[in-house]
C-alpha atoms as a PDB file:
ATOM      1  CA  MET A   1     -25.783 -11.036 -39.940  1.00  0.00           C
ATOM      2  CA  LEU A   2     -23.838  -8.947 -37.441  1.00  0.00           C
ATOM      3  CA  THR A   3     -21.733  -6.070 -38.735  1.00  0.00           C
ATOM      4  CA  VAL A   4     -18.726  -4.810 -36.777  1.00  0.00           C
ATOM      5  CA  HIS A   5     -17.591  -1.223 -37.328  1.00  0.00           C
ATOM      6  CA  HIS A   6     -13.933  -1.740 -36.518  1.00  0.00           C
ATOM      7  CA  LEU A   7     -11.509   1.064 -35.637  1.00  0.00           C
ATOM      8  CA  ASN A   8      -7.846   0.061 -35.617  1.00  0.00           C
ATOM      9  CA  ASP A   9      -6.182  -0.320 -32.196  1.00  0.00           C
ATOM     10  CA  SER A  10      -9.429  -0.041 -30.267  1.00  0.00           C
ATOM     11  CA  ARG A  11     -11.700  -2.224 -28.160  1.00  0.00           C
ATOM     12  CA  ALA A  12     -13.369  -3.258 -31.394  1.00  0.00           C
ATOM     13  CA  GLN A  13     -10.647  -5.909 -31.572  1.00  0.00           C
ATOM     14  CA  LYS A  14     -12.280  -7.511 -28.523  1.00  0.00           C
ATOM     15  CA  THR A  15     -15.613  -7.678 -30.327  1.00  0.00           C
ATOM     16  CA  ILE A  16     -14.000  -9.450 -33.273  1.00  0.00           C
ATOM     17  CA  TRP A  17     -12.243 -11.829 -30.888  1.00  0.00           C
ATOM     18  CA  LEU A  18     -15.521 -12.620 -29.098  1.00  0.00           C
ATOM     19  CA  LEU A  19     -17.243 -13.391 -32.397  1.00  0.00           C
ATOM     20  CA  GLU A  20     -14.351 -15.625 -33.456  1.00  0.00           C
ATOM     21  CA  GLU A  21     -14.523 -17.508 -30.145  1.00  0.00           C
ATOM     22  CA  LEU A  22     -18.231 -18.100 -30.712  1.00  0.00           C
ATOM     23  CA  GLY A  23     -17.740 -19.013 -34.364  1.00  0.00           C
ATOM     24  CA  LEU A  24     -20.391 -16.511 -35.452  1.00  0.00           C
ATOM     25  CA  PRO A  25     -20.530 -15.083 -38.979  1.00  0.00           C
ATOM     26  CA  TYR A  26     -20.114 -11.308 -39.272  1.00  0.00           C
ATOM     27  CA  ASP A  27     -19.253  -8.560 -41.686  1.00  0.00           C
ATOM     28  CA  LEU A  28     -16.396  -6.217 -40.827  1.00  0.00           C
ATOM     29  CA  LEU A  29     -16.193  -2.588 -41.899  1.00  0.00           C
ATOM     30  CA  PRO A  30     -12.737  -1.146 -41.104  1.00  0.00           C
ATOM     31  CA  TYR A  31     -11.962   2.457 -40.144  1.00  0.00           C
ATOM     32  CA  GLN A  32      -8.570   4.071 -39.525  1.00  0.00           C
ATOM     33  CA  ARG A  33      -7.624   6.602 -36.875  1.00  0.00           C
ATOM     34  CA  HIS A  34      -6.323  10.004 -37.957  1.00  0.00           C
ATOM     35  CA  GLN A  35      -2.538   9.593 -38.011  1.00  0.00           C
ATOM     36  CA  ALA A  36      -1.845  12.830 -36.130  1.00  0.00           C
ATOM     37  CA  THR A  37      -4.725  13.061 -33.654  1.00  0.00           C
ATOM     38  CA  MET A  38      -5.494   9.310 -33.368  1.00  0.00           C
ATOM     39  CA  MET A  39      -9.184  10.269 -33.416  1.00  0.00           C
ATOM     40  CA  ALA A  40     -11.872   8.192 -35.098  1.00  0.00           C
ATOM     41  CA  PRO A  41     -12.972   9.359 -38.562  1.00  0.00           C
ATOM     42  CA  PRO A  42     -16.201  11.365 -39.118  1.00  0.00           C
ATOM     43  CA  ALA A  43     -17.753   8.323 -40.805  1.00  0.00           C
ATOM     44  CA  LEU A  44     -18.332   6.725 -37.391  1.00  0.00           C
ATOM     45  CA  LYS A  45     -20.129   9.806 -36.097  1.00  0.00           C
ATOM     46  CA  ALA A  46     -22.356   9.648 -39.154  1.00  0.00           C
ATOM     47  CA  LEU A  47     -23.547   6.266 -37.886  1.00  0.00           C
ATOM     48  CA  HIS A  48     -24.037   7.282 -34.236  1.00  0.00           C
ATOM     49  CA  PRO A  49     -23.645  10.628 -32.386  1.00  0.00           C
ATOM     50  CA  VAL A  50     -21.015   9.154 -30.031  1.00  0.00           C
ATOM     51  CA  GLY A  51     -18.809   8.384 -33.028  1.00  0.00           C
ATOM     52  CA  LYS A  52     -16.682   5.782 -31.278  1.00  0.00           C
ATOM     53  CA  SER A  53     -15.739   2.157 -31.835  1.00  0.00           C
ATOM     54  CA  PRO A  54     -16.658  -0.581 -31.127  1.00  0.00           C
ATOM     55  CA  MET A  55     -20.032  -0.312 -32.739  1.00  0.00           C
ATOM     56  CA  ILE A  56     -22.084  -3.154 -34.144  1.00  0.00           C
ATOM     57  CA  GLU A  57     -25.257  -3.475 -36.182  1.00  0.00           C
ATOM     58  CA  ASP A  58     -27.639  -6.336 -35.506  1.00  0.00           C
ATOM     59  CA  GLN A  59     -30.865  -6.560 -37.517  1.00  0.00           C
ATOM     60  CA  GLY A  60     -30.706  -2.854 -38.296  1.00  0.00           C
ATOM     61  CA  ARG A  61     -30.053  -1.752 -34.717  1.00  0.00           C
ATOM     62  CA  ILE A  62     -26.814   0.028 -33.750  1.00  0.00           C
ATOM     63  CA  VAL A  63     -25.285  -1.066 -30.431  1.00  0.00           C
ATOM     64  CA  ILE A  64     -22.410   0.928 -28.894  1.00  0.00           C
ATOM     65  CA  GLU A  65     -20.110   0.516 -25.851  1.00  0.00           C
ATOM     66  CA  SER A  66     -17.974  -2.596 -25.577  1.00  0.00           C
ATOM     67  CA  GLY A  67     -19.623  -3.893 -22.384  1.00  0.00           C
ATOM     68  CA  ALA A  68     -23.118  -3.558 -23.822  1.00  0.00           C
ATOM     69  CA  ILE A  69     -21.960  -5.122 -27.088  1.00  0.00           C
ATOM     70  CA  THR A  70     -20.487  -8.088 -25.234  1.00  0.00           C
ATOM     71  CA  GLU A  71     -23.685  -8.648 -23.265  1.00  0.00           C
ATOM     72  CA  HIS A  72     -25.786  -8.255 -26.421  1.00  0.00           C
ATOM     73  CA  ILE A  73     -23.786 -10.845 -28.334  1.00  0.00           C
ATOM     74  CA  ILE A  74     -23.640 -13.315 -25.445  1.00  0.00           C
ATOM     75  CA  GLU A  75     -27.346 -13.020 -24.618  1.00  0.00           C
ATOM     76  CA  ARG A  76     -28.655 -13.098 -28.187  1.00  0.00           C
ATOM     77  CA  HIS A  77     -26.149 -15.267 -29.981  1.00  0.00           C
ATOM     78  CA  GLY A  78     -24.020 -17.050 -27.376  1.00  0.00           C
ATOM     79  CA  ASP A  79     -26.264 -20.071 -26.735  1.00  0.00           C
ATOM     80  CA  GLY A  80     -24.959 -20.266 -23.180  1.00  0.00           C
ATOM     81  CA  ARG A  81     -21.294 -20.077 -24.173  1.00  0.00           C
ATOM     82  CA  LEU A  82     -18.554 -17.894 -22.639  1.00  0.00           C
ATOM     83  CA  ALA A  83     -20.682 -16.784 -19.683  1.00  0.00           C
ATOM     84  CA  PRO A  84     -21.812 -18.484 -16.465  1.00  0.00           C
ATOM     85  CA  VAL A  85     -25.457 -19.332 -15.878  1.00  0.00           C
ATOM     86  CA  PRO A  86     -27.395 -16.172 -14.886  1.00  0.00           C
ATOM     87  CA  GLY A  87     -28.299 -16.021 -11.204  1.00  0.00           C
ATOM     88  CA  THR A  88     -25.181 -17.885 -10.040  1.00  0.00           C
ATOM     89  CA  ASP A  89     -22.328 -16.460  -7.988  1.00  0.00           C
ATOM     90  CA  ALA A  90     -20.043 -17.014 -10.966  1.00  0.00           C
ATOM     91  CA  HIS A  91     -22.306 -14.885 -13.132  1.00  0.00           C
ATOM     92  CA  GLU A  92     -22.207 -12.070 -10.586  1.00  0.00           C
ATOM     93  CA  ARG A  93     -18.401 -12.112 -10.672  1.00  0.00           C
ATOM     94  CA  TYR A  94     -18.483 -12.289 -14.457  1.00  0.00           C
ATOM     95  CA  ARG A  95     -20.771  -9.253 -14.703  1.00  0.00           C
ATOM     96  CA  GLN A  96     -18.621  -7.268 -12.277  1.00  0.00           C
ATOM     97  CA  TRP A  97     -15.577  -7.857 -14.468  1.00  0.00           C
ATOM     98  CA  LEU A  98     -17.479  -6.679 -17.557  1.00  0.00           C
ATOM     99  CA  TYR A  99     -18.283  -3.389 -15.837  1.00  0.00           C
ATOM    100  CA  TYR A 100     -14.878  -3.029 -14.168  1.00  0.00           C
ATOM    101  CA  ALA A 101     -13.253  -3.277 -17.597  1.00  0.00           C
ATOM    102  CA  VAL A 102     -14.955  -0.082 -18.748  1.00  0.00           C
ATOM    103  CA  SER A 103     -15.142   1.898 -15.499  1.00  0.00           C
ATOM    104  CA  SER A 104     -12.910   1.707 -12.406  1.00  0.00           C
ATOM    105  CA  GLY A 105     -10.284  -0.375 -14.169  1.00  0.00           C
ATOM    106  CA  MET A 106      -9.928   2.088 -17.041  1.00  0.00           C
ATOM    107  CA  ASN A 107     -10.121   5.381 -15.131  1.00  0.00           C
ATOM    108  CA  PRO A 108      -6.424   5.666 -14.154  1.00  0.00           C
ATOM    109  CA  ILE A 109      -5.384   4.664 -17.667  1.00  0.00           C
ATOM    110  CA  MET A 110      -7.491   7.396 -19.240  1.00  0.00           C
ATOM    111  CA  ILE A 111      -6.133   9.969 -16.790  1.00  0.00           C
ATOM    112  CA  LYS A 112      -2.571   8.988 -17.716  1.00  0.00           C
ATOM    113  CA  VAL A 113      -3.368   9.075 -21.431  1.00  0.00           C
ATOM    114  CA  TYR A 114      -4.753  12.610 -21.132  1.00  0.00           C
ATOM    115  CA  ALA A 115      -1.867  13.704 -18.888  1.00  0.00           C
ATOM    116  CA  ARG A 116       0.574  12.520 -21.543  1.00  0.00           C
ATOM    117  CA  ALA A 117      -1.410  14.210 -24.322  1.00  0.00           C
ATOM    118  CA  PHE A 118      -1.298  17.577 -22.509  1.00  0.00           C
ATOM    119  CA  GLY A 119       2.361  17.389 -21.459  1.00  0.00           C
ATOM    120  CA  LEU A 120       1.584  16.646 -17.815  1.00  0.00           C
ATOM    121  CA  ASP A 121       3.848  13.613 -17.397  1.00  0.00           C
ATOM    122  CA  GLY A 122       5.067  13.492 -13.801  1.00  0.00           C
ATOM    123  CA  SER A 123       2.491  15.995 -12.578  1.00  0.00           C
ATOM    124  CA  ALA A 124       0.489  15.433  -9.391  1.00  0.00           C
ATOM    125  CA  ILE A 125      -2.479  14.063 -11.307  1.00  0.00           C
ATOM    126  CA  ASP A 126      -0.225  11.760 -13.342  1.00  0.00           C
ATOM    127  CA  GLN A 127       1.374  10.420 -10.155  1.00  0.00           C
ATOM    128  CA  ALA A 128      -2.061   9.880  -8.607  1.00  0.00           C
ATOM    129  CA  ALA A 129      -3.081   7.932 -11.702  1.00  0.00           C
ATOM    130  CA  ASP A 130       0.095   5.840 -11.380  1.00  0.00           C
ATOM    131  CA  ALA A 131      -0.894   4.886  -7.849  1.00  0.00           C
ATOM    132  CA  GLU A 132      -4.430   3.960  -8.931  1.00  0.00           C
ATOM    133  CA  LEU A 133      -3.189   1.969 -11.921  1.00  0.00           C
ATOM    134  CA  THR A 134      -0.797   0.062  -9.671  1.00  0.00           C
ATOM    135  CA  LYS A 135      -3.734  -0.864  -7.406  1.00  0.00           C
ATOM    136  CA  THR A 136      -5.788  -1.890 -10.419  1.00  0.00           C
ATOM    137  CA  LEU A 137      -3.089  -4.183 -11.779  1.00  0.00           C
ATOM    138  CA  ALA A 138      -2.484  -5.681  -8.323  1.00  0.00           C
ATOM    139  CA  TYR A 139      -6.212  -6.390  -7.994  1.00  0.00           C
ATOM    140  CA  ILE A 140      -6.324  -8.183 -11.357  1.00  0.00           C
ATOM    141  CA  ASP A 141      -3.122 -10.066 -10.591  1.00  0.00           C
ATOM    142  CA  ASP A 142      -4.503 -11.284  -7.253  1.00  0.00           C
ATOM    143  CA  ALA A 143      -7.727 -12.418  -8.940  1.00  0.00           C
ATOM    144  CA  LEU A 144      -5.720 -14.521 -11.384  1.00  0.00           C
ATOM    145  CA  ALA A 145      -3.757 -16.263  -8.627  1.00  0.00           C
ATOM    146  CA  ASP A 146      -6.569 -18.810  -8.154  1.00  0.00           C
ATOM    147  CA  GLY A 147      -6.786 -20.056 -11.732  1.00  0.00           C
ATOM    148  CA  PRO A 148      -5.753 -19.577 -15.323  1.00  0.00           C
ATOM    149  CA  PHE A 149      -8.693 -17.227 -15.982  1.00  0.00           C
ATOM    150  CA  LEU A 150     -10.681 -14.588 -14.091  1.00  0.00           C
ATOM    151  CA  LEU A 151     -13.395 -17.120 -13.244  1.00  0.00           C
ATOM    152  CA  GLY A 152     -10.924 -19.827 -12.307  1.00  0.00           C
ATOM    153  CA  ASP A 153     -10.722 -22.701 -14.768  1.00  0.00           C
ATOM    154  CA  ASP A 154     -13.399 -21.298 -17.086  1.00  0.00           C
ATOM    155  CA  PHE A 155     -12.473 -18.946 -19.912  1.00  0.00           C
ATOM    156  CA  SER A 156     -15.233 -16.383 -20.480  1.00  0.00           C
ATOM    157  CA  ALA A 157     -16.084 -13.150 -22.250  1.00  0.00           C
ATOM    158  CA  ALA A 158     -14.880 -11.392 -19.089  1.00  0.00           C
ATOM    159  CA  ASP A 159     -11.313 -12.408 -19.951  1.00  0.00           C
ATOM    160  CA  ILE A 160     -11.726 -10.925 -23.410  1.00  0.00           C
ATOM    161  CA  GLN A 161     -13.053  -7.631 -22.049  1.00  0.00           C
ATOM    162  CA  MET A 162     -10.556  -7.325 -19.219  1.00  0.00           C
ATOM    163  CA  SER A 163      -7.488  -8.067 -21.346  1.00  0.00           C
ATOM    164  CA  PHE A 164      -7.643  -4.516 -22.735  1.00  0.00           C
ATOM    165  CA  ILE A 165      -6.568  -3.027 -19.386  1.00  0.00           C
ATOM    166  CA  PRO A 166      -3.121  -4.633 -19.080  1.00  0.00           C
ATOM    167  CA  GLU A 167      -2.611  -4.389 -22.836  1.00  0.00           C
ATOM    168  CA  ILE A 168      -2.894  -0.621 -22.745  1.00  0.00           C
ATOM    169  CA  ALA A 169      -1.300  -0.347 -19.286  1.00  0.00           C
ATOM    170  CA  GLN A 170       1.925  -1.859 -20.628  1.00  0.00           C
ATOM    171  CA  THR A 171       2.248   1.125 -22.974  1.00  0.00           C
ATOM    172  CA  LEU A 172       2.283   3.390 -19.907  1.00  0.00           C
ATOM    173  CA  MET A 173       4.348   1.434 -17.360  1.00  0.00           C
ATOM    174  CA  PRO A 174       6.128  -1.915 -17.005  1.00  0.00           C
ATOM    175  CA  ILE A 175       3.825  -4.787 -16.029  1.00  0.00           C
ATOM    176  CA  ASP A 176       6.388  -7.601 -15.740  1.00  0.00           C
ATOM    177  CA  ALA A 177       6.071  -7.622 -11.943  1.00  0.00           C
ATOM    178  CA  TYR A 178       2.483  -8.823 -12.283  1.00  0.00           C
ATOM    179  CA  ARG A 179       3.389 -12.382 -13.186  1.00  0.00           C
ATOM    180  CA  HIS A 180      -0.165 -13.740 -13.146  1.00  0.00           C
ATOM    181  CA  ILE A 181      -1.273 -11.040 -15.599  1.00  0.00           C
ATOM    182  CA  VAL A 182       1.686 -11.670 -17.902  1.00  0.00           C
ATOM    183  CA  ALA A 183       0.981 -15.419 -17.921  1.00  0.00           C
ATOM    184  CA  TRP A 184      -2.733 -14.774 -18.474  1.00  0.00           C
ATOM    185  CA  LEU A 185      -2.053 -12.530 -21.469  1.00  0.00           C
ATOM    186  CA  GLY A 186       0.176 -15.241 -22.866  1.00  0.00           C
ATOM    187  CA  ARG A 187      -2.645 -17.754 -22.594  1.00  0.00           C
ATOM    188  CA  LEU A 188      -5.154 -15.367 -24.133  1.00  0.00           C
ATOM    189  CA  HIS A 189      -2.940 -14.299 -27.010  1.00  0.00           C
ATOM    190  CA  GLY A 190      -2.184 -17.926 -27.757  1.00  0.00           C
ATOM    191  CA  ARG A 191      -5.824 -18.800 -28.328  1.00  0.00           C
ATOM    192  CA  PRO A 192      -6.646 -19.647 -31.955  1.00  0.00           C
ATOM    193  CA  ALA A 193      -9.631 -17.278 -31.951  1.00  0.00           C
ATOM    194  CA  PHE A 194      -7.441 -14.379 -30.785  1.00  0.00           C
ATOM    195  CA  ARG A 195      -5.021 -15.010 -33.629  1.00  0.00           C
ATOM    196  CA  GLN A 196      -7.912 -15.266 -36.053  1.00  0.00           C
ATOM    197  CA  SER A 197      -9.132 -11.880 -34.823  1.00  0.00           C
ATOM    198  CA  ILE A 198      -5.737 -10.390 -35.671  1.00  0.00           C
ATOM    199  CA  GLU A 199      -5.870 -11.927 -39.134  1.00  0.00           C
ATOM    200  CA  ARG A 200      -9.374 -10.554 -39.668  1.00  0.00           C
ATOM    201  CA  GLY A 201      -9.041  -7.153 -38.000  1.00  0.00           C
ATOM    202  CA  GLY A 202      -5.406  -6.372 -38.784  1.00  0.00           C
ATOM    203  CA  ASP A 203      -2.381  -5.635 -36.629  1.00  0.00           C
ATOM    204  CA  TYR A 204      -3.228  -4.857 -33.006  1.00  0.00           C
ATOM    205  CA  ARG A 205      -0.345  -2.849 -31.570  1.00  0.00           C
ATOM    206  CA  LEU A 206      -1.689  -2.817 -28.005  1.00  0.00           C
ATOM    207  CA  ALA A 207      -0.890  -6.513 -27.720  1.00  0.00           C
ATOM    208  CA  GLY A 208       2.680  -6.159 -28.961  1.00  0.00           C
ATOM    209  CA  LYS A 209       3.856  -7.446 -32.321  1.00  0.00           C
ATOM    210  CA  ALA A 210       0.497  -8.388 -33.813  1.00  0.00           C
ATOM    211  CA  GLY A 211      -0.473  -9.753 -30.407  1.00  0.00           C
ATOM    212  CA  LEU A 212       1.744 -12.772 -30.891  1.00  0.00           C
ATOM    213  CA  ARG A 213       2.936 -13.466 -27.373  1.00  0.00           C
ATOM    214  CA  GLU A 214       4.222 -16.922 -26.703  1.00  0.00           C
ATOM    215  CA  PRO A 215       1.340 -19.143 -25.572  1.00  0.00           C
ATOM    216  CA  VAL A 216       1.462 -20.118 -21.904  1.00  0.00           C
ATOM    217  CA  ALA A 217      -0.014 -23.388 -20.728  1.00  0.00           C
END
């Protein structure tokens, strides 16, 4: 059985959500951030040198990094669900979103988070990050103009992975102007599996009050 090492208010929530969407059994081991530093506890580093969540165990093997975890679960346990057929154009777009969610899409957010942590709000680097984050949100919003999900009519693991970007972005700047993103988050947060992930993993502040946005059709 899969084991999820779950840190509160982290991407580990996405791993739980993915497993709930697939209806897979799993064990969950919860960890709490340090209240002052918000850092992960030493117990995670005892499991893997990176010491970050999400982290899963599958048949005795530790897998880290949310993108790699998503691909691992989909390829080994998904039975063709929540991902397009490999080799298709849709799968190429799907894979690009998985990587964008943990690279280019997250870079301006991380810069802003560090700028805030070091008292550099409003500095040149913070303003540059604002400009990049605005472009990132506009790019996602445009992609959602053609359908309810990132791949059009088909909900996929890419939607789960990518939802983290606007969720954390809204803690740094208003996102109401991106109407496709706001509607998309409403659809995602209204999914039964998302709500089950909140019940299983605990309150998820990045999605608002326990992630309970009003569902959008």
